[in-house]
N, C-alpha and C. Protein backbone atom coordinates (compact mmCIF):
# COMPACT_ATOMS: atom_id res chain seq x y z
N UNK A 1 -54.71 -38.08 15.98
CA UNK A 1 -54.80 -36.79 15.38
C UNK A 1 -56.17 -36.84 14.52
N UNK A 2 -56.79 -35.38 14.17
CA UNK A 2 -57.94 -35.33 13.64
C UNK A 2 -57.75 -34.23 12.67
N UNK A 3 -58.51 -34.25 11.68
CA UNK A 3 -58.28 -33.03 10.77
C UNK A 3 -59.90 -32.83 10.37
N UNK A 4 -59.97 -31.30 9.98
CA UNK A 4 -61.34 -31.00 9.76
C UNK A 4 -61.16 -29.72 8.82
N UNK A 5 -62.02 -29.91 7.64
CA UNK A 5 -61.68 -28.55 6.58
C UNK A 5 -63.48 -27.94 6.89
N UNK A 6 -63.50 -26.65 6.97
CA UNK A 6 -64.56 -25.87 7.21
C UNK A 6 -64.36 -24.86 6.25
N UNK A 7 -65.67 -24.03 6.12
CA UNK A 7 -65.73 -22.57 5.64
C UNK A 7 -66.07 -21.79 6.60
N UNK A 8 -65.30 -20.51 6.63
CA UNK A 8 -65.56 -19.49 7.28
C UNK A 8 -66.89 -18.55 6.46
N UNK A 9 -67.88 -18.04 7.19
CA UNK A 9 -68.93 -17.23 6.36
C UNK A 9 -67.87 -15.96 5.73
N UNK A 10 -68.42 -15.44 4.72
CA UNK A 10 -67.94 -14.38 3.78
C UNK A 10 -67.91 -13.36 4.77
N UNK A 11 -66.70 -12.75 4.85
CA UNK A 11 -66.36 -11.38 5.61
C UNK A 11 -66.21 -10.09 4.76
N UNK A 12 -66.60 -9.07 5.16
CA UNK A 12 -66.10 -7.79 4.34
C UNK A 12 -64.84 -7.52 4.52
N UNK A 13 -63.98 -6.80 3.70
CA UNK A 13 -62.67 -6.52 4.00
C UNK A 13 -62.44 -5.93 5.58
N UNK A 14 -61.17 -6.55 5.98
CA UNK A 14 -61.01 -5.95 7.33
C UNK A 14 -60.47 -7.25 8.08
N UNK A 15 -60.27 -6.76 9.43
CA UNK A 15 -59.99 -8.02 10.22
C UNK A 15 -60.99 -8.38 11.17
N UNK A 16 -61.35 -9.79 11.40
CA UNK A 16 -62.36 -10.28 12.04
C UNK A 16 -62.20 -11.04 12.86
N UNK A 17 -62.67 -10.86 14.21
CA UNK A 17 -62.27 -11.91 15.39
C UNK A 17 -63.05 -13.29 14.89
N UNK A 18 -62.59 -14.27 14.94
CA UNK A 18 -63.00 -15.47 14.30
C UNK A 18 -62.77 -16.62 15.41
N UNK A 19 -62.45 -16.46 16.63
CA UNK A 19 -62.07 -17.84 17.35
C UNK A 19 -63.35 -18.52 17.86
N UNK A 20 -64.41 -17.92 18.12
CA UNK A 20 -65.77 -18.33 18.28
C UNK A 20 -66.06 -19.48 16.99
N UNK A 21 -66.13 -18.73 15.83
CA UNK A 21 -66.43 -19.57 14.89
C UNK A 21 -65.27 -20.66 14.36
N UNK A 22 -64.17 -20.58 14.69
CA UNK A 22 -63.24 -21.63 14.28
C UNK A 22 -63.66 -22.87 15.44
N UNK A 23 -63.82 -22.50 16.47
CA UNK A 23 -64.11 -23.46 17.79
C UNK A 23 -65.49 -24.21 17.07
N UNK A 24 -66.37 -23.65 16.63
CA UNK A 24 -67.70 -23.96 16.49
C UNK A 24 -67.29 -25.43 15.30
N UNK A 25 -66.18 -25.20 14.76
CA UNK A 25 -66.32 -26.18 13.72
C UNK A 25 -65.23 -27.61 14.16
N UNK A 26 -64.75 -27.28 15.28
CA UNK A 26 -63.55 -28.43 15.61
C UNK A 26 -64.05 -29.36 16.35
N UNK A 27 -65.19 -29.14 17.16
CA UNK A 27 -65.87 -30.20 18.15
C UNK A 27 -65.17 -30.20 19.22
N UNK A 28 -65.04 -31.27 20.12
CA UNK A 28 -64.32 -31.52 21.25
C UNK A 28 -62.71 -31.47 21.25
N UNK A 29 -62.23 -30.66 21.87
CA UNK A 29 -60.74 -30.72 21.85
C UNK A 29 -59.86 -31.61 22.82
N UNK A 30 -59.08 -32.35 22.59
CA UNK A 30 -58.26 -33.06 23.59
C UNK A 30 -57.65 -32.45 24.62
N UNK A 31 -57.33 -33.27 25.83
CA UNK A 31 -56.93 -32.41 27.15
C UNK A 31 -55.71 -31.72 26.76
N UNK A 32 -54.70 -32.25 25.92
CA UNK A 32 -53.42 -31.85 25.92
C UNK A 32 -53.25 -32.06 24.12
N UNK A 33 -52.66 -31.08 23.40
CA UNK A 33 -52.36 -31.06 22.32
C UNK A 33 -51.94 -29.76 21.65
N UNK A 34 -52.27 -29.95 20.06
CA UNK A 34 -52.04 -28.66 19.40
C UNK A 34 -53.06 -28.63 18.45
N UNK A 35 -53.05 -27.30 17.95
CA UNK A 35 -54.04 -27.18 16.74
C UNK A 35 -53.29 -26.12 15.78
N UNK A 36 -53.37 -26.91 14.81
CA UNK A 36 -52.75 -26.08 13.49
C UNK A 36 -53.76 -25.67 12.75
N UNK A 37 -54.18 -24.45 12.38
CA UNK A 37 -54.94 -24.11 11.61
C UNK A 37 -54.64 -23.01 10.12
N UNK A 38 -55.06 -23.63 9.06
CA UNK A 38 -54.41 -23.20 8.17
C UNK A 38 -55.36 -22.78 6.80
N UNK A 39 -55.22 -21.52 6.41
CA UNK A 39 -56.17 -20.58 5.69
C UNK A 39 -55.94 -20.95 4.23
N UNK A 40 -56.64 -21.58 3.62
CA UNK A 40 -56.03 -22.07 2.10
C UNK A 40 -56.64 -20.97 0.91
N UNK A 41 -55.87 -19.91 1.08
CA UNK A 41 -56.14 -18.68 0.44
C UNK A 41 -54.83 -18.08 0.19
N UNK A 42 -54.78 -17.58 -1.04
CA UNK A 42 -53.42 -16.62 -1.06
C UNK A 42 -53.92 -15.03 -0.92
N UNK A 43 -54.95 -14.63 -0.76
CA UNK A 43 -55.49 -13.13 -0.43
C UNK A 43 -55.98 -12.96 0.80
N UNK A 44 -56.34 -13.88 1.64
CA UNK A 44 -56.61 -13.52 3.08
C UNK A 44 -55.46 -14.41 4.23
N UNK A 45 -55.41 -13.80 5.33
CA UNK A 45 -54.57 -14.35 6.10
C UNK A 45 -55.27 -14.38 7.59
N UNK A 46 -54.61 -15.21 8.43
CA UNK A 46 -55.10 -15.34 9.86
C UNK A 46 -53.71 -15.01 10.93
N UNK A 47 -54.34 -14.50 11.98
CA UNK A 47 -53.22 -14.04 13.09
C UNK A 47 -53.81 -14.00 14.56
N UNK A 48 -52.89 -13.92 15.39
CA UNK A 48 -53.61 -13.88 16.85
C UNK A 48 -53.00 -12.46 17.18
N UNK A 49 -54.21 -11.55 17.95
CA UNK A 49 -53.86 -10.37 18.23
C UNK A 49 -54.99 -10.04 19.27
N UNK A 50 -54.97 -8.63 19.68
CA UNK A 50 -55.88 -8.36 20.72
C UNK A 50 -57.50 -8.56 20.63
N UNK A 51 -57.98 -8.93 21.16
CA UNK A 51 -59.51 -9.47 21.35
C UNK A 51 -60.66 -8.47 21.74
N UNK A 52 -60.20 -7.54 22.39
CA UNK A 52 -61.17 -6.73 23.15
C UNK A 52 -61.48 -5.62 22.58
N UNK A 53 -60.51 -4.55 22.41
CA UNK A 53 -60.91 -3.43 21.44
C UNK A 53 -61.40 -3.36 20.41
N UNK A 54 -62.21 -3.20 19.62
CA UNK A 54 -62.32 -3.16 18.35
C UNK A 54 -61.55 -2.17 17.57
N UNK A 55 -61.16 -1.24 17.98
CA UNK A 55 -60.27 0.05 17.52
C UNK A 55 -59.18 -0.90 17.07
N UNK A 56 -58.67 -1.91 17.56
CA UNK A 56 -57.21 -2.39 16.96
C UNK A 56 -57.82 -2.99 15.34
N UNK A 57 -58.97 -3.54 15.51
CA UNK A 57 -59.11 -4.01 13.93
C UNK A 57 -59.19 -2.98 12.88
N UNK A 58 -59.69 -1.71 13.43
CA UNK A 58 -59.49 -0.33 12.55
C UNK A 58 -58.18 0.21 12.18
N UNK A 59 -57.44 -0.11 13.25
CA UNK A 59 -55.81 0.36 13.12
C UNK A 59 -55.15 -0.53 12.24
N UNK A 60 -55.27 -2.08 12.11
CA UNK A 60 -54.55 -2.95 11.39
C UNK A 60 -55.10 -2.66 9.94
N UNK A 61 -56.33 -2.58 9.90
CA UNK A 61 -56.93 -2.00 8.22
C UNK A 61 -56.15 -0.74 7.71
N UNK A 62 -55.95 0.42 8.95
CA UNK A 62 -55.51 1.55 8.36
C UNK A 62 -53.98 1.40 8.07
N UNK A 63 -53.20 0.71 9.10
CA UNK A 63 -51.72 0.37 8.79
C UNK A 63 -51.63 -0.10 7.49
N UNK A 64 -52.11 -1.36 7.57
CA UNK A 64 -51.81 -2.51 6.04
C UNK A 64 -52.43 -1.74 4.80
N UNK A 65 -52.96 -0.90 4.80
CA UNK A 65 -53.67 -0.14 3.54
C UNK A 65 -52.54 1.00 3.36
N UNK A 66 -51.94 1.33 4.49
CA UNK A 66 -50.76 2.35 4.22
C UNK A 66 -49.50 2.01 3.58
N UNK A 67 -49.23 0.54 4.15
CA UNK A 67 -48.29 -0.40 3.60
C UNK A 67 -48.17 -0.67 2.22
N UNK A 68 -49.46 -1.21 1.78
CA UNK A 68 -49.67 -1.61 0.55
C UNK A 68 -50.89 -1.23 0.08
N UNK A 69 -51.24 -0.16 -0.74
CA UNK A 69 -52.41 0.73 -1.00
C UNK A 69 -52.80 -0.30 -2.38
N UNK A 70 -54.04 -0.05 -2.36
CA UNK A 70 -54.86 -0.58 -4.02
C UNK A 70 -54.13 0.39 -4.87
N UNK A 71 -54.03 0.13 -6.26
CA UNK A 71 -53.62 0.90 -7.41
C UNK A 71 -52.32 1.31 -6.92
N UNK A 72 -51.33 0.76 -6.29
CA UNK A 72 -49.81 0.68 -6.11
C UNK A 72 -49.16 1.00 -7.27
N UNK A 73 -48.46 1.92 -7.61
CA UNK A 73 -47.72 2.08 -8.91
C UNK A 73 -46.34 1.04 -8.85
N UNK A 74 -46.32 0.34 -9.92
CA UNK A 74 -45.36 -0.55 -10.29
C UNK A 74 -45.69 -1.86 -9.83
N UNK A 75 -46.93 -2.18 -9.60
CA UNK A 75 -47.63 -3.54 -9.60
C UNK A 75 -47.93 -4.11 -10.75
N UNK A 76 -47.76 -5.51 -11.31
CA UNK A 76 -47.83 -5.72 -12.55
C UNK A 76 -48.96 -6.69 -12.45
N UNK A 77 -49.33 -7.30 -11.45
CA UNK A 77 -50.53 -8.48 -11.23
C UNK A 77 -51.84 -7.41 -11.14
N UNK A 78 -52.15 -7.16 -11.97
CA UNK A 78 -53.82 -6.27 -11.66
C UNK A 78 -54.78 -6.73 -12.55
N UNK A 79 -54.78 -8.12 -13.20
CA UNK A 79 -55.95 -8.65 -13.89
C UNK A 79 -57.31 -8.97 -13.11
N UNK A 80 -56.99 -9.35 -11.85
CA UNK A 80 -58.03 -9.84 -10.91
C UNK A 80 -58.54 -8.48 -10.04
N UNK A 81 -58.14 -7.14 -10.60
CA UNK A 81 -58.60 -5.78 -9.71
C UNK A 81 -57.51 -5.38 -8.79
N UNK A 82 -57.83 -4.20 -8.54
CA UNK A 82 -56.86 -3.34 -7.75
C UNK A 82 -56.47 -3.81 -6.63
N UNK A 83 -57.74 -4.76 -6.02
CA UNK A 83 -57.09 -5.15 -4.40
C UNK A 83 -56.56 -6.35 -4.58
N UNK A 84 -56.29 -7.07 -5.67
CA UNK A 84 -55.68 -8.56 -5.70
C UNK A 84 -54.40 -8.50 -5.25
N UNK A 85 -53.45 -8.26 -5.63
CA UNK A 85 -52.00 -8.05 -5.47
C UNK A 85 -51.69 -7.62 -4.10
N UNK A 86 -52.39 -6.65 -3.92
CA UNK A 86 -52.14 -5.89 -2.33
C UNK A 86 -52.50 -7.06 -1.49
N UNK A 87 -53.80 -7.48 -1.74
CA UNK A 87 -54.01 -8.82 -1.01
C UNK A 87 -52.88 -10.10 -1.04
N UNK A 88 -52.70 -10.01 -1.59
CA UNK A 88 -51.60 -11.29 -1.79
C UNK A 88 -50.39 -10.87 -0.95
N UNK A 89 -49.82 -9.64 -1.21
CA UNK A 89 -48.78 -9.26 -0.43
C UNK A 89 -49.06 -9.00 1.24
N UNK A 90 -50.22 -8.62 1.36
CA UNK A 90 -50.68 -8.50 2.74
C UNK A 90 -50.96 -10.09 3.52
N UNK A 91 -51.35 -10.87 2.87
CA UNK A 91 -51.34 -12.35 3.40
C UNK A 91 -50.08 -13.05 3.89
N UNK A 92 -49.21 -12.55 2.83
CA UNK A 92 -47.84 -12.83 3.13
C UNK A 92 -47.02 -12.22 4.22
N UNK A 93 -47.51 -10.85 4.67
CA UNK A 93 -47.16 -10.34 5.74
C UNK A 93 -47.69 -10.91 6.91
N UNK A 94 -49.26 -11.29 7.26
CA UNK A 94 -49.91 -11.72 8.11
C UNK A 94 -49.58 -13.35 8.28
N UNK A 95 -49.19 -14.19 7.25
CA UNK A 95 -49.09 -15.45 7.25
C UNK A 95 -50.57 -16.08 7.29
N UNK A 96 -50.47 -17.42 6.87
CA UNK A 96 -51.64 -17.94 6.41
C UNK A 96 -52.00 -19.43 7.47
N UNK A 97 -51.10 -19.29 8.61
CA UNK A 97 -51.21 -20.52 9.37
C UNK A 97 -50.85 -19.96 11.01
N UNK A 98 -51.39 -20.70 11.63
CA UNK A 98 -51.12 -20.58 13.29
C UNK A 98 -50.97 -22.08 13.80
N UNK A 99 -50.42 -22.07 14.86
CA UNK A 99 -50.21 -23.32 15.59
C UNK A 99 -50.35 -22.93 17.06
N UNK A 100 -51.57 -23.50 17.66
CA UNK A 100 -51.79 -22.92 18.84
C UNK A 100 -52.05 -24.38 19.98
N UNK A 101 -51.10 -24.15 21.33
CA UNK A 101 -51.61 -25.22 22.38
C UNK A 101 -52.90 -25.25 22.48
N UNK A 102 -53.05 -26.49 23.07
CA UNK A 102 -54.35 -26.90 23.75
C UNK A 102 -53.70 -27.54 24.91
N UNK A 103 -54.78 -27.06 26.26
CA UNK A 103 -54.45 -27.69 27.36
C UNK A 103 -55.85 -27.69 28.28
N UNK A 104 -56.11 -28.49 28.85
CA UNK A 104 -57.65 -28.93 29.52
C UNK A 104 -58.56 -28.87 28.71
N UNK A 105 -58.52 -29.04 27.17
CA UNK A 105 -59.39 -29.17 26.17
C UNK A 105 -59.83 -27.82 25.80
N UNK A 106 -58.92 -26.65 26.28
CA UNK A 106 -59.12 -25.20 25.49
C UNK A 106 -57.74 -24.82 24.93
N UNK A 107 -58.14 -24.11 23.74
CA UNK A 107 -56.99 -23.28 23.37
C UNK A 107 -56.30 -22.36 24.31
N UNK A 108 -54.86 -22.50 24.07
CA UNK A 108 -54.04 -21.75 24.95
C UNK A 108 -53.96 -20.43 24.58
N UNK A 109 -54.88 -19.65 24.83
CA UNK A 109 -54.88 -17.85 24.36
C UNK A 109 -54.54 -17.04 25.57
N UNK A 110 -53.94 -15.98 25.30
CA UNK A 110 -54.07 -15.16 26.62
C UNK A 110 -55.18 -14.30 26.94
N UNK A 111 -55.31 -13.45 27.86
CA UNK A 111 -56.56 -13.25 28.14
C UNK A 111 -56.92 -12.05 27.06
N UNK A 112 -56.19 -11.49 26.52
CA UNK A 112 -56.48 -10.48 25.45
C UNK A 112 -56.14 -10.82 24.25
N UNK A 113 -56.15 -12.28 23.60
CA UNK A 113 -55.65 -13.01 22.49
C UNK A 113 -57.02 -13.50 21.71
N UNK A 114 -57.02 -13.32 20.38
CA UNK A 114 -58.19 -13.87 19.64
C UNK A 114 -57.66 -14.36 18.51
N UNK A 115 -58.19 -14.98 17.62
CA UNK A 115 -57.76 -15.45 16.25
C UNK A 115 -58.86 -14.69 15.16
N UNK A 116 -57.72 -13.98 14.30
CA UNK A 116 -58.50 -13.13 13.53
C UNK A 116 -58.29 -13.81 11.82
N UNK A 117 -59.39 -13.97 11.03
CA UNK A 117 -59.09 -13.73 9.68
C UNK A 117 -59.02 -12.23 9.43
N UNK A 118 -57.99 -12.05 8.60
CA UNK A 118 -57.69 -10.99 7.92
C UNK A 118 -58.05 -10.88 6.22
N UNK A 119 -59.08 -10.43 6.19
CA UNK A 119 -59.76 -10.51 4.65
C UNK A 119 -58.97 -9.09 3.95
N UNK A 120 -58.40 -9.47 2.97
CA UNK A 120 -57.92 -8.44 2.35
C UNK A 120 -58.59 -8.14 1.02
N UNK A 121 -59.40 -8.95 0.36
CA UNK A 121 -60.09 -8.42 -0.73
C UNK A 121 -61.47 -7.96 -0.23
N UNK A 122 -61.87 -7.10 -1.23
CA UNK A 122 -63.28 -6.18 -1.13
C UNK A 122 -64.33 -7.27 -1.10
N UNK A 123 -64.38 -8.17 -2.01
CA UNK A 123 -65.48 -9.35 -1.84
C UNK A 123 -64.68 -10.67 -1.90
N UNK A 124 -64.14 -11.01 -0.85
CA UNK A 124 -63.47 -12.19 -0.86
C UNK A 124 -64.13 -13.39 -0.76
N UNK A 125 -65.41 -13.23 -0.48
CA UNK A 125 -66.19 -14.64 -0.04
C UNK A 125 -66.01 -15.71 1.11
N UNK A 126 -66.63 -16.62 1.08
CA UNK A 126 -66.39 -17.48 1.88
C UNK A 126 -64.81 -18.12 2.14
N UNK A 127 -64.16 -18.47 3.11
CA UNK A 127 -62.84 -18.59 3.09
C UNK A 127 -62.57 -19.91 3.79
N UNK A 128 -62.01 -20.78 3.02
CA UNK A 128 -61.94 -22.44 3.26
C UNK A 128 -60.29 -22.36 4.52
N UNK A 129 -60.83 -23.36 5.32
CA UNK A 129 -59.90 -23.30 6.41
C UNK A 129 -59.66 -24.94 6.64
N UNK A 130 -58.45 -25.36 7.10
CA UNK A 130 -57.90 -26.62 7.35
C UNK A 130 -57.46 -26.57 8.77
N UNK A 131 -58.26 -27.55 9.74
CA UNK A 131 -57.49 -27.67 10.89
C UNK A 131 -56.78 -28.94 11.24
N UNK A 132 -55.69 -29.12 11.88
CA UNK A 132 -55.36 -30.39 12.28
C UNK A 132 -55.07 -30.64 13.84
N UNK A 133 -55.61 -31.37 14.54
CA UNK A 133 -55.83 -31.42 15.73
C UNK A 133 -55.24 -32.48 16.33
N UNK A 134 -53.71 -32.19 16.92
CA UNK A 134 -52.80 -33.25 17.17
C UNK A 134 -52.99 -33.70 18.75
N UNK A 135 -53.12 -34.66 19.31
CA UNK A 135 -53.15 -35.15 20.80
C UNK A 135 -52.06 -36.04 21.10
């Protein structure tokens, strides 16, 4: 087993395909195993979704903003700005960790699947990730 902590480059608000960026920090993967990927934040999430059509990212942003808009009435946690509490809620919806099988030294992802960082803050900054590679 091996563990790696790394930072993702700061991203704008939205859904960002990060499969390549994650892999660049992991080094060689075992022939068989599991990758557990953990986002160390409460206002960003990670998920696996469609990796080909960029409209998917736009549609996710649209839907999530409809579900939990900024300045939503009734929210009490507003000290860190109007995007903060909605970001916490959205991160809870997407989740902050993934477990992905490894086979033949590669992540087992479907043809159209990729790993996304779901950045829910207007200025979230660099995001810390923690990976556990089990063989």
